[in-house]
Amino acid sequence: MPSQRVTIGIGLAILLVISAASIGLDLKSQTDAAAVNQTLGVLKQIPDLELLLRRTESAARGFALNKAPPTSSSSTARPAREFRRRSTR
Protein backbone atom coordinates (compact mmCIF):
# COMPACT_ATOMS: atom_id res chain seq x y z
CA MET A 1 0.00 0.00 0.00
CA PRO A 2 1.49 3.36 -1.01
CA SER A 3 2.43 5.77 1.68
CA GLN A 4 0.59 9.00 2.29
CA ARG A 5 3.42 11.06 0.68
CA VAL A 6 3.23 9.08 -2.54
CA THR A 7 -0.54 9.44 -2.68
CA ILE A 8 -0.31 13.20 -2.13
CA GLY A 9 2.44 13.46 -4.76
CA ILE A 10 0.37 11.57 -7.33
CA GLY A 11 -2.66 13.74 -6.56
CA LEU A 12 -0.59 16.90 -6.93
CA ALA A 13 0.84 15.68 -10.24
CA ILE A 14 -2.67 14.96 -11.55
CA LEU A 15 -3.82 18.45 -10.51
CA LEU A 16 -0.82 20.03 -12.26
CA VAL A 17 -1.58 18.11 -15.47
CA ILE A 18 -5.22 19.19 -15.32
CA SER A 19 -4.16 22.82 -14.74
CA ALA A 20 -1.73 22.76 -17.68
CA ALA A 21 -4.39 21.25 -19.96
CA SER A 22 -6.88 23.90 -18.85
CA ILE A 23 -4.45 26.73 -19.59
CA GLY A 24 -3.60 25.23 -22.97
CA LEU A 25 -7.24 24.89 -23.93
CA ASP A 26 -7.94 28.46 -22.82
CA LEU A 27 -5.13 29.80 -25.01
CA LYS A 28 -6.37 27.74 -27.95
CA SER A 29 -9.91 29.07 -27.51
CA GLN A 30 -8.57 32.64 -27.53
CA THR A 31 -6.69 32.09 -30.81
CA ASP A 32 -9.76 30.39 -32.30
CA ALA A 33 -11.93 33.34 -31.27
CA ALA A 34 -9.51 35.77 -32.93
CA ALA A 35 -9.61 33.71 -36.14
CA VAL A 36 -13.41 33.65 -36.09
CA ASN A 37 -13.53 37.44 -35.59
CA GLN A 38 -11.20 37.92 -38.56
CA THR A 39 -13.36 35.62 -40.71
CA LEU A 40 -16.55 37.44 -39.75
CA GLY A 41 -14.92 40.75 -40.59
CA VAL A 42 -13.99 39.50 -44.05
CA LEU A 43 -17.49 38.09 -44.59
CA LYS A 44 -18.97 41.50 -43.71
CA GLN A 45 -16.76 43.17 -46.34
CA ILE A 46 -17.73 40.83 -49.19
CA PRO A 47 -21.05 42.58 -50.06
CA ASP A 48 -19.25 45.94 -50.24
CA LEU A 49 -16.66 44.46 -52.56
CA GLU A 50 -19.36 42.89 -54.73
CA LEU A 51 -21.09 46.27 -55.05
CA LEU A 52 -17.81 47.90 -56.02
CA LEU A 53 -17.19 45.21 -58.65
CA ARG A 54 -20.69 45.65 -60.09
CA ARG A 55 -20.22 49.41 -60.38
CA THR A 56 -16.82 48.94 -61.98
CA GLU A 57 -18.16 46.41 -64.48
CA SER A 58 -21.04 48.74 -65.29
CA ALA A 59 -18.65 51.62 -65.90
CA ALA A 60 -16.51 49.38 -68.12
CA ARG A 61 -19.57 48.34 -70.13
CA GLY A 62 -20.61 51.95 -70.47
CA PHE A 63 -17.14 52.86 -71.68
CA ALA A 64 -17.15 49.99 -74.18
CA LEU A 65 -20.55 51.06 -75.55
CA ASN A 66 -19.96 54.82 -75.65
CA LYS A 67 -16.19 54.89 -76.23
CA ALA A 68 -16.11 57.82 -73.84
CA PRO A 69 -15.09 58.05 -70.19
CA PRO A 70 -17.84 58.48 -67.62
CA THR A 71 -19.02 62.05 -67.17
CA SER A 72 -18.34 61.98 -63.44
CA SER A 73 -15.08 60.41 -62.32
CA SER A 74 -16.26 60.48 -58.72
CA SER A 75 -19.05 57.99 -59.48
CA THR A 76 -16.52 55.15 -59.65
CA ALA A 77 -13.93 56.57 -57.24
CA ARG A 78 -16.37 57.15 -54.38
CA PRO A 79 -17.29 53.45 -53.84
CA ALA A 80 -13.61 52.51 -53.81
CA ARG A 81 -12.87 55.12 -51.14
CA GLU A 82 -15.84 53.93 -49.09
CA PHE A 83 -14.69 50.32 -49.31
CA ARG A 84 -11.13 51.19 -48.25
CA ARG A 85 -12.49 53.28 -45.37
CA ARG A 86 -14.73 50.46 -44.16
CA SER A 87 -12.04 47.81 -44.49
CA THR A 88 -9.63 49.69 -42.22
CA ARG A 89 -12.05 49.67 -39.27
C-alpha atoms as a PDB file:
ATOM      1  CA  MET A   1       0.000   0.000   0.000  1.00  0.00           C
ATOM      2  CA  PRO A   2       1.487   3.361  -1.012  1.00  0.00           C
ATOM      3  CA  SER A   3       2.430   5.775   1.677  1.00  0.00           C
ATOM      4  CA  GLN A   4       0.595   9.003   2.286  1.00  0.00           C
ATOM      5  CA  ARG A   5       3.424  11.063   0.684  1.00  0.00           C
ATOM      6  CA  VAL A   6       3.235   9.076  -2.543  1.00  0.00           C
ATOM      7  CA  THR A   7      -0.538   9.444  -2.679  1.00  0.00           C
ATOM      8  CA  ILE A   8      -0.315  13.204  -2.129  1.00  0.00           C
ATOM      9  CA  GLY A   9       2.445  13.457  -4.765  1.00  0.00           C
ATOM     10  CA  ILE A  10       0.373  11.574  -7.333  1.00  0.00           C
ATOM     11  CA  GLY A  11      -2.659  13.741  -6.558  1.00  0.00           C
ATOM     12  CA  LEU A  12      -0.588  16.901  -6.925  1.00  0.00           C
ATOM     13  CA  ALA A  13       0.841  15.681 -10.239  1.00  0.00           C
ATOM     14  CA  ILE A  14      -2.665  14.964 -11.547  1.00  0.00           C
ATOM     15  CA  LEU A  15      -3.822  18.448 -10.511  1.00  0.00           C
ATOM     16  CA  LEU A  16      -0.824  20.026 -12.262  1.00  0.00           C
ATOM     17  CA  VAL A  17      -1.576  18.112 -15.466  1.00  0.00           C
ATOM     18  CA  ILE A  18      -5.216  19.192 -15.316  1.00  0.00           C
ATOM     19  CA  SER A  19      -4.164  22.821 -14.741  1.00  0.00           C
ATOM     20  CA  ALA A  20      -1.733  22.762 -17.678  1.00  0.00           C
ATOM     21  CA  ALA A  21      -4.388  21.253 -19.956  1.00  0.00           C
ATOM     22  CA  SER A  22      -6.882  23.896 -18.852  1.00  0.00           C
ATOM     23  CA  ILE A  23      -4.449  26.729 -19.588  1.00  0.00           C
ATOM     24  CA  GLY A  24      -3.600  25.225 -22.974  1.00  0.00           C
ATOM     25  CA  LEU A  25      -7.242  24.887 -23.934  1.00  0.00           C
ATOM     26  CA  ASP A  26      -7.938  28.460 -22.818  1.00  0.00           C
ATOM     27  CA  LEU A  27      -5.129  29.798 -25.012  1.00  0.00           C
ATOM     28  CA  LYS A  28      -6.374  27.743 -27.955  1.00  0.00           C
ATOM     29  CA  SER A  29      -9.906  29.072 -27.510  1.00  0.00           C
ATOM     30  CA  GLN A  30      -8.572  32.639 -27.530  1.00  0.00           C
ATOM     31  CA  THR A  31      -6.693  32.089 -30.805  1.00  0.00           C
ATOM     32  CA  ASP A  32      -9.756  30.394 -32.304  1.00  0.00           C
ATOM     33  CA  ALA A  33     -11.930  33.336 -31.272  1.00  0.00           C
ATOM     34  CA  ALA A  34      -9.508  35.766 -32.928  1.00  0.00           C
ATOM     35  CA  ALA A  35      -9.610  33.706 -36.136  1.00  0.00           C
ATOM     36  CA  VAL A  36     -13.410  33.652 -36.086  1.00  0.00           C
ATOM     37  CA  ASN A  37     -13.535  37.438 -35.591  1.00  0.00           C
ATOM     38  CA  GLN A  38     -11.204  37.918 -38.558  1.00  0.00           C
ATOM     39  CA  THR A  39     -13.358  35.623 -40.711  1.00  0.00           C
ATOM     40  CA  LEU A  40     -16.549  37.441 -39.746  1.00  0.00           C
ATOM     41  CA  GLY A  41     -14.915  40.752 -40.590  1.00  0.00           C
ATOM     42  CA  VAL A  42     -13.992  39.496 -44.050  1.00  0.00           C
ATOM     43  CA  LEU A  43     -17.486  38.093 -44.589  1.00  0.00           C
ATOM     44  CA  LYS A  44     -18.971  41.498 -43.710  1.00  0.00           C
ATOM     45  CA  GLN A  45     -16.759  43.169 -46.340  1.00  0.00           C
ATOM     46  CA  ILE A  46     -17.732  40.832 -49.193  1.00  0.00           C
ATOM     47  CA  PRO A  47     -21.051  42.578 -50.055  1.00  0.00           C
ATOM     48  CA  ASP A  48     -19.252  45.937 -50.236  1.00  0.00           C
ATOM     49  CA  LEU A  49     -16.663  44.461 -52.563  1.00  0.00           C
ATOM     50  CA  GLU A  50     -19.364  42.892 -54.729  1.00  0.00           C
ATOM     51  CA  LEU A  51     -21.086  46.271 -55.050  1.00  0.00           C
ATOM     52  CA  LEU A  52     -17.815  47.904 -56.020  1.00  0.00           C
ATOM     53  CA  LEU A  53     -17.194  45.215 -58.647  1.00  0.00           C
ATOM     54  CA  ARG A  54     -20.687  45.650 -60.095  1.00  0.00           C
ATOM     55  CA  ARG A  55     -20.224  49.405 -60.377  1.00  0.00           C
ATOM     56  CA  THR A  56     -16.817  48.940 -61.982  1.00  0.00           C
ATOM     57  CA  GLU A  57     -18.159  46.409 -64.481  1.00  0.00           C
ATOM     58  CA  SER A  58     -21.039  48.743 -65.285  1.00  0.00           C
ATOM     59  CA  ALA A  59     -18.645  51.625 -65.900  1.00  0.00           C
ATOM     60  CA  ALA A  60     -16.509  49.379 -68.115  1.00  0.00           C
ATOM     61  CA  ARG A  61     -19.570  48.338 -70.130  1.00  0.00           C
ATOM     62  CA  GLY A  62     -20.611  51.953 -70.470  1.00  0.00           C
ATOM     63  CA  PHE A  63     -17.136  52.856 -71.684  1.00  0.00           C
ATOM     64  CA  ALA A  64     -17.148  49.993 -74.182  1.00  0.00           C
ATOM     65  CA  LEU A  65     -20.546  51.058 -75.548  1.00  0.00           C
ATOM     66  CA  ASN A  66     -19.963  54.822 -75.651  1.00  0.00           C
ATOM     67  CA  LYS A  67     -16.186  54.891 -76.226  1.00  0.00           C
ATOM     68  CA  ALA A  68     -16.107  57.816 -73.838  1.00  0.00           C
ATOM     69  CA  PRO A  69     -15.094  58.053 -70.189  1.00  0.00           C
ATOM     70  CA  PRO A  70     -17.843  58.482 -67.620  1.00  0.00           C
ATOM     71  CA  THR A  71     -19.025  62.053 -67.174  1.00  0.00           C
ATOM     72  CA  SER A  72     -18.339  61.984 -63.435  1.00  0.00           C
ATOM     73  CA  SER A  73     -15.077  60.412 -62.320  1.00  0.00           C
ATOM     74  CA  SER A  74     -16.261  60.482 -58.720  1.00  0.00           C
ATOM     75  CA  SER A  75     -19.048  57.986 -59.485  1.00  0.00           C
ATOM     76  CA  THR A  76     -16.518  55.154 -59.651  1.00  0.00           C
ATOM     77  CA  ALA A  77     -13.931  56.567 -57.236  1.00  0.00           C
ATOM     78  CA  ARG A  78     -16.374  57.145 -54.380  1.00  0.00           C
ATOM     79  CA  PRO A  79     -17.292  53.454 -53.844  1.00  0.00           C
ATOM     80  CA  ALA A  80     -13.610  52.512 -53.815  1.00  0.00           C
ATOM     81  CA  ARG A  81     -12.868  55.118 -51.145  1.00  0.00           C
ATOM     82  CA  GLU A  82     -15.836  53.932 -49.092  1.00  0.00           C
ATOM     83  CA  PHE A  83     -14.687  50.320 -49.311  1.00  0.00           C
ATOM     84  CA  ARG A  84     -11.131  51.193 -48.249  1.00  0.00           C
ATOM     85  CA  ARG A  85     -12.488  53.285 -45.365  1.00  0.00           C
ATOM     86  CA  ARG A  86     -14.733  50.462 -44.160  1.00  0.00           C
ATOM     87  CA  SER A  87     -12.043  47.809 -44.486  1.00  0.00           C
ATOM     88  CA  THR A  88      -9.631  49.692 -42.223  1.00  0.00           C
ATOM     89  CA  ARG A  89     -12.046  49.667 -39.275  1.00  0.00           C
END
